Amino acid sequence: MASAVVSWHGADTGALAPIRPAVTFGFSSVPPRPSVARVRTTIVGGTDAR
């Protein structure tokens, strides 16, 4: 991601910030300051794993 315009309840959340330390595995990232994120997980499967 190179740029984004984001607001929370009408307030600008600010510019993108570098991730320190850089994430080197999986699909993860950690903001340099506290933040709130809503995450929805969807599991789709066609077989019974029992």
PDB file of N, CA and C in Angstrom:
ATOM      1  N   MET A   1       0.847  -1.148   0.000  1.00  0.00           N
ATOM      2  CA  MET A   1       0.000   0.000   0.000  1.00  0.00           C
ATOM      3  C   MET A   1       0.904   1.226   0.000  1.00  0.00           C
ATOM      4  N   ALA A   2       0.648   2.141  -0.898  1.00  0.00           N
ATOM      5  CA  ALA A   2       1.477   3.340  -1.005  1.00  0.00           C
ATOM      6  C   ALA A   2       0.830   4.556  -0.356  1.00  0.00           C
ATOM      7  N   SER A   3      -0.500   4.599  -0.336  1.00  0.00           N
ATOM      8  CA  SER A   3      -1.183   5.736   0.278  1.00  0.00           C
ATOM      9  C   SER A   3      -2.606   5.338   0.645  1.00  0.00           C
ATOM     10  N   ALA A   4      -3.198   6.122   1.546  1.00  0.00           N
ATOM     11  CA  ALA A   4      -4.578   5.883   1.962  1.00  0.00           C
ATOM     12  C   ALA A   4      -5.131   7.148   2.592  1.00  0.00           C
ATOM     13  N   VAL A   5      -6.428   7.322   2.484  1.00  0.00           N
ATOM     14  CA  VAL A   5      -7.130   8.395   3.187  1.00  0.00           C
ATOM     15  C   VAL A   5      -8.145   7.700   4.081  1.00  0.00           C
ATOM     16  N   VAL A   6      -7.956   7.826   5.382  1.00  0.00           N
ATOM     17  CA  VAL A   6      -8.781   7.102   6.338  1.00  0.00           C
ATOM     18  C   VAL A   6      -9.292   8.065   7.397  1.00  0.00           C
ATOM     19  N   SER A   7     -10.551   7.856   7.791  1.00  0.00           N
ATOM     20  CA  SER A   7     -11.099   8.646   8.898  1.00  0.00           C
ATOM     21  C   SER A   7     -11.827   7.722   9.857  1.00  0.00           C
ATOM     22  N   TRP A   8     -11.949   8.157  11.102  1.00  0.00           N
ATOM     23  CA  TRP A   8     -12.652   7.405  12.128  1.00  0.00           C
ATOM     24  C   TRP A   8     -13.625   8.369  12.790  1.00  0.00           C
ATOM     25  N   HIS A   9     -14.909   8.085  12.634  1.00  0.00           N
ATOM     26  CA  HIS A   9     -15.973   8.958  13.155  1.00  0.00           C
ATOM     27  C   HIS A   9     -15.772  10.395  12.677  1.00  0.00           C
ATOM     28  N   GLY A  10     -15.378  10.549  11.408  1.00  0.00           N
ATOM     29  CA  GLY A  10     -15.226  11.863  10.808  1.00  0.00           C
ATOM     30  C   GLY A  10     -13.886  12.539  11.034  1.00  0.00           C
ATOM     31  N   ALA A  11     -13.017  11.960  11.851  1.00  0.00           N
ATOM     32  CA  ALA A  11     -11.701  12.558  12.120  1.00  0.00           C
ATOM     33  C   ALA A  11     -10.631  11.853  11.292  1.00  0.00           C
ATOM     34  N   ASP A  12      -9.754  12.636  10.674  1.00  0.00           N
ATOM     35  CA  ASP A  12      -8.640  12.091   9.897  1.00  0.00           C
ATOM     36  C   ASP A  12      -7.724  11.298  10.824  1.00  0.00           C
ATOM     37  N   THR A  13      -7.332  10.094  10.411  1.00  0.00           N
ATOM     38  CA  THR A  13      -6.467   9.266  11.250  1.00  0.00           C
ATOM     39  C   THR A  13      -4.980   9.526  11.033  1.00  0.00           C
ATOM     40  N   GLY A  14      -4.640  10.361  10.068  1.00  0.00           N
ATOM     41  CA  GLY A  14      -3.240  10.712   9.861  1.00  0.00           C
ATOM     42  C   GLY A  14      -2.596   9.929   8.732  1.00  0.00           C
ATOM     43  N   ALA A  15      -1.334  10.210   8.523  1.00  0.00           N
ATOM     44  CA  ALA A  15      -0.579   9.605   7.430  1.00  0.00           C
ATOM     45  C   ALA A  15      -0.162   8.177   7.759  1.00  0.00           C
ATOM     46  N   LEU A  16       0.149   7.401   6.716  1.00  0.00           N
ATOM     47  CA  LEU A  16       0.709   6.069   6.919  1.00  0.00           C
ATOM     48  C   LEU A  16       2.050   6.195   7.622  1.00  0.00           C
ATOM     49  N   ALA A  17       2.367   5.216   8.445  1.00  0.00           N
ATOM     50  CA  ALA A  17       3.626   5.235   9.184  1.00  0.00           C
ATOM     51  C   ALA A  17       4.388   3.948   8.905  1.00  0.00           C
ATOM     52  N   PRO A  18       5.712   4.000   8.959  1.00  0.00           N
ATOM     53  CA  PRO A  18       6.500   2.788   8.755  1.00  0.00           C
ATOM     54  C   PRO A  18       6.263   1.792   9.888  1.00  0.00           C
ATOM     55  N   ILE A  19       6.410   0.516   9.584  1.00  0.00           N
ATOM     56  CA  ILE A  19       6.260  -0.536  10.588  1.00  0.00           C
ATOM     57  C   ILE A  19       7.640  -0.868  11.115  1.00  0.00           C
ATOM     58  N   ARG A  20       7.810  -0.719  12.422  1.00  0.00           N
ATOM     59  CA  ARG A  20       9.094  -1.016  13.059  1.00  0.00           C
ATOM     60  C   ARG A  20       8.838  -1.896  14.256  1.00  0.00           C
ATOM     61  N   PRO A  21       9.415  -3.073  14.328  1.00  0.00           N
ATOM     62  CA  PRO A  21      10.250  -3.686  13.307  1.00  0.00           C
ATOM     63  C   PRO A  21       9.391  -4.190  12.146  1.00  0.00           C
ATOM     64  N   ALA A  22      10.004  -4.319  11.001  1.00  0.00           N
ATOM     65  CA  ALA A  22       9.295  -4.791   9.815  1.00  0.00           C
ATOM     66  C   ALA A  22       8.786  -6.209  10.028  1.00  0.00           C
ATOM     67  N   VAL A  23       7.585  -6.484   9.540  1.00  0.00           N
ATOM     68  CA  VAL A  23       7.018  -7.829   9.620  1.00  0.00           C
ATOM     69  C   VAL A  23       7.652  -8.665   8.516  1.00  0.00           C
ATOM     70  N   THR A  24       8.133  -9.846   8.859  1.00  0.00           N
ATOM     71  CA  THR A  24       8.843 -10.671   7.875  1.00  0.00           C
ATOM     72  C   THR A  24       8.178 -12.010   7.628  1.00  0.00           C
ATOM     73  N   PHE A  25       6.927 -12.182   8.099  1.00  0.00           N
ATOM     74  CA  PHE A  25       6.254 -13.465   7.888  1.00  0.00           C
ATOM     75  C   PHE A  25       4.749 -13.245   7.795  1.00  0.00           C
ATOM     76  N   GLY A  26       4.061 -14.166   7.133  1.00  0.00           N
ATOM     77  CA  GLY A  26       2.601 -14.200   7.108  1.00  0.00           C
ATOM     78  C   GLY A  26       1.939 -12.934   6.611  1.00  0.00           C
ATOM     79  N   PHE A  27       0.695 -12.745   7.005  1.00  0.00           N
ATOM     80  CA  PHE A  27      -0.089 -11.577   6.622  1.00  0.00           C
ATOM     81  C   PHE A  27      -0.380 -10.803   7.895  1.00  0.00           C
ATOM     82  N   SER A  28       0.620 -10.074   8.370  1.00  0.00           N
ATOM     83  CA  SER A  28       0.499  -9.354   9.633  1.00  0.00           C
ATOM     84  C   SER A  28       1.149  -7.995   9.527  1.00  0.00           C
ATOM     85  N   SER A  29       0.658  -7.068  10.303  1.00  0.00           N
ATOM     86  CA  SER A  29       1.315  -5.782  10.445  1.00  0.00           C
ATOM     87  C   SER A  29       0.907  -5.187  11.778  1.00  0.00           C
ATOM     88  N   VAL A  30       1.766  -4.378  12.322  1.00  0.00           N
ATOM     89  CA  VAL A  30       1.526  -3.759  13.616  1.00  0.00           C
ATOM     90  C   VAL A  30       1.765  -2.267  13.485  1.00  0.00           C
ATOM     91  N   PRO A  31       0.782  -1.437  13.818  1.00  0.00           N
ATOM     92  CA  PRO A  31       0.986   0.003  13.736  1.00  0.00           C
ATOM     93  C   PRO A  31       1.935   0.490  14.837  1.00  0.00           C
ATOM     94  N   PRO A  32       2.660   1.571  14.597  1.00  0.00           N
ATOM     95  CA  PRO A  32       3.602   2.068  15.597  1.00  0.00           C
ATOM     96  C   PRO A  32       2.917   2.702  16.810  1.00  0.00           C
ATOM     97  N   ARG A  33       1.632   3.031  16.697  1.00  0.00           N
ATOM     98  CA  ARG A  33       0.900   3.568  17.849  1.00  0.00           C
ATOM     99  C   ARG A  33      -0.427   2.804  17.970  1.00  0.00           C
ATOM    100  N   PRO A  34      -1.052   2.825  19.134  1.00  0.00           N
ATOM    101  CA  PRO A  34      -2.296   2.069  19.317  1.00  0.00           C
ATOM    102  C   PRO A  34      -3.360   2.449  18.300  1.00  0.00           C
ATOM    103  N   SER A  35      -4.163   1.458  17.905  1.00  0.00           N
ATOM    104  CA  SER A  35      -5.238   1.699  16.956  1.00  0.00           C
ATOM    105  C   SER A  35      -6.330   0.661  17.159  1.00  0.00           C
ATOM    106  N   VAL A  36      -7.441   0.859  16.489  1.00  0.00           N
ATOM    107  CA  VAL A  36      -8.564  -0.055  16.566  1.00  0.00           C
ATOM    108  C   VAL A  36      -8.825  -0.602  15.177  1.00  0.00           C
ATOM    109  N   ALA A  37      -9.053  -1.896  15.087  1.00  0.00           N
ATOM    110  CA  ALA A  37      -9.369  -2.514  13.805  1.00  0.00           C
ATOM    111  C   ALA A  37     -10.464  -3.541  13.998  1.00  0.00           C
ATOM    112  N   ARG A  38     -11.373  -3.602  13.068  1.00  0.00           N
ATOM    113  CA  ARG A  38     -12.414  -4.626  13.076  1.00  0.00           C
ATOM    114  C   ARG A  38     -11.993  -5.702  12.091  1.00  0.00           C
ATOM    115  N   VAL A  39     -11.960  -6.941  12.550  1.00  0.00           N
ATOM    116  CA  VAL A  39     -11.537  -8.057  11.714  1.00  0.00           C
ATOM    117  C   VAL A  39     -12.683  -9.052  11.636  1.00  0.00           C
ATOM    118  N   ARG A  40     -13.014  -9.474  10.435  1.00  0.00           N
ATOM    119  CA  ARG A  40     -14.050 -10.485  10.231  1.00  0.00           C
ATOM    120  C   ARG A  40     -13.402 -11.689   9.575  1.00  0.00           C
ATOM    121  N   THR A  41     -13.576 -12.851  10.164  1.00  0.00           N
ATOM    122  CA  THR A  41     -13.016 -14.096   9.632  1.00  0.00           C
ATOM    123  C   THR A  41     -14.136 -14.913   9.004  1.00  0.00           C
ATOM    124  N   THR A  42     -13.892 -15.414   7.814  1.00  0.00           N
ATOM    125  CA  THR A  42     -14.835 -16.271   7.124  1.00  0.00           C
ATOM    126  C   THR A  42     -14.134 -17.582   6.787  1.00  0.00           C
ATOM    127  N   ILE A  43     -14.740 -18.677   7.200  1.00  0.00           N
ATOM    128  CA  ILE A  43     -14.188 -19.998   6.910  1.00  0.00           C
ATOM    129  C   ILE A  43     -15.154 -20.692   5.958  1.00  0.00           C
ATOM    130  N   VAL A  44     -14.626 -21.078   4.803  1.00  0.00           N
ATOM    131  CA  VAL A  44     -15.436 -21.734   3.789  1.00  0.00           C
ATOM    132  C   VAL A  44     -14.857 -23.119   3.549  1.00  0.00           C
ATOM    133  N   GLY A  45     -15.699 -24.121   3.652  1.00  0.00           N
ATOM    134  CA  GLY A  45     -15.204 -25.478   3.445  1.00  0.00           C
ATOM    135  C   GLY A  45     -16.296 -26.369   2.880  1.00  0.00           C
ATOM    136  N   GLY A  46     -15.878 -27.356   2.138  1.00  0.00           N
ATOM    137  CA  GLY A  46     -16.851 -28.249   1.523  1.00  0.00           C
ATOM    138  C   GLY A  46     -16.796 -29.658   2.049  1.00  0.00           C
ATOM    139  N   THR A  47     -15.869 -29.928   3.006  1.00  0.00           N
ATOM    140  CA  THR A  47     -15.769 -31.284   3.534  1.00  0.00           C
ATOM    141  C   THR A  47     -15.795 -31.240   5.051  1.00  0.00           C
ATOM    142  N   ASP A  48     -16.221 -32.325   5.646  1.00  0.00           N
ATOM    143  CA  ASP A  48     -16.259 -32.463   7.087  1.00  0.00           C
ATOM    144  C   ASP A  48     -14.903 -32.996   7.521  1.00  0.00           C
ATOM    145  N   ALA A  49     -14.179 -32.272   8.360  1.00  0.00           N
ATOM    146  CA  ALA A  49     -12.818 -32.656   8.757  1.00  0.00           C
ATOM    147  C   ALA A  49     -12.791 -33.619   9.939  1.00  0.00           C
ATOM    148  N   ARG A  50     -13.932 -34.104  10.415  1.00  0.00           N
ATOM    149  CA  ARG A  50     -13.943 -35.008  11.567  1.00  0.00           C
ATOM    150  C   ARG A  50     -13.430 -36.358  11.256  1.00  0.00           C
TER     151      ARG A  50
END
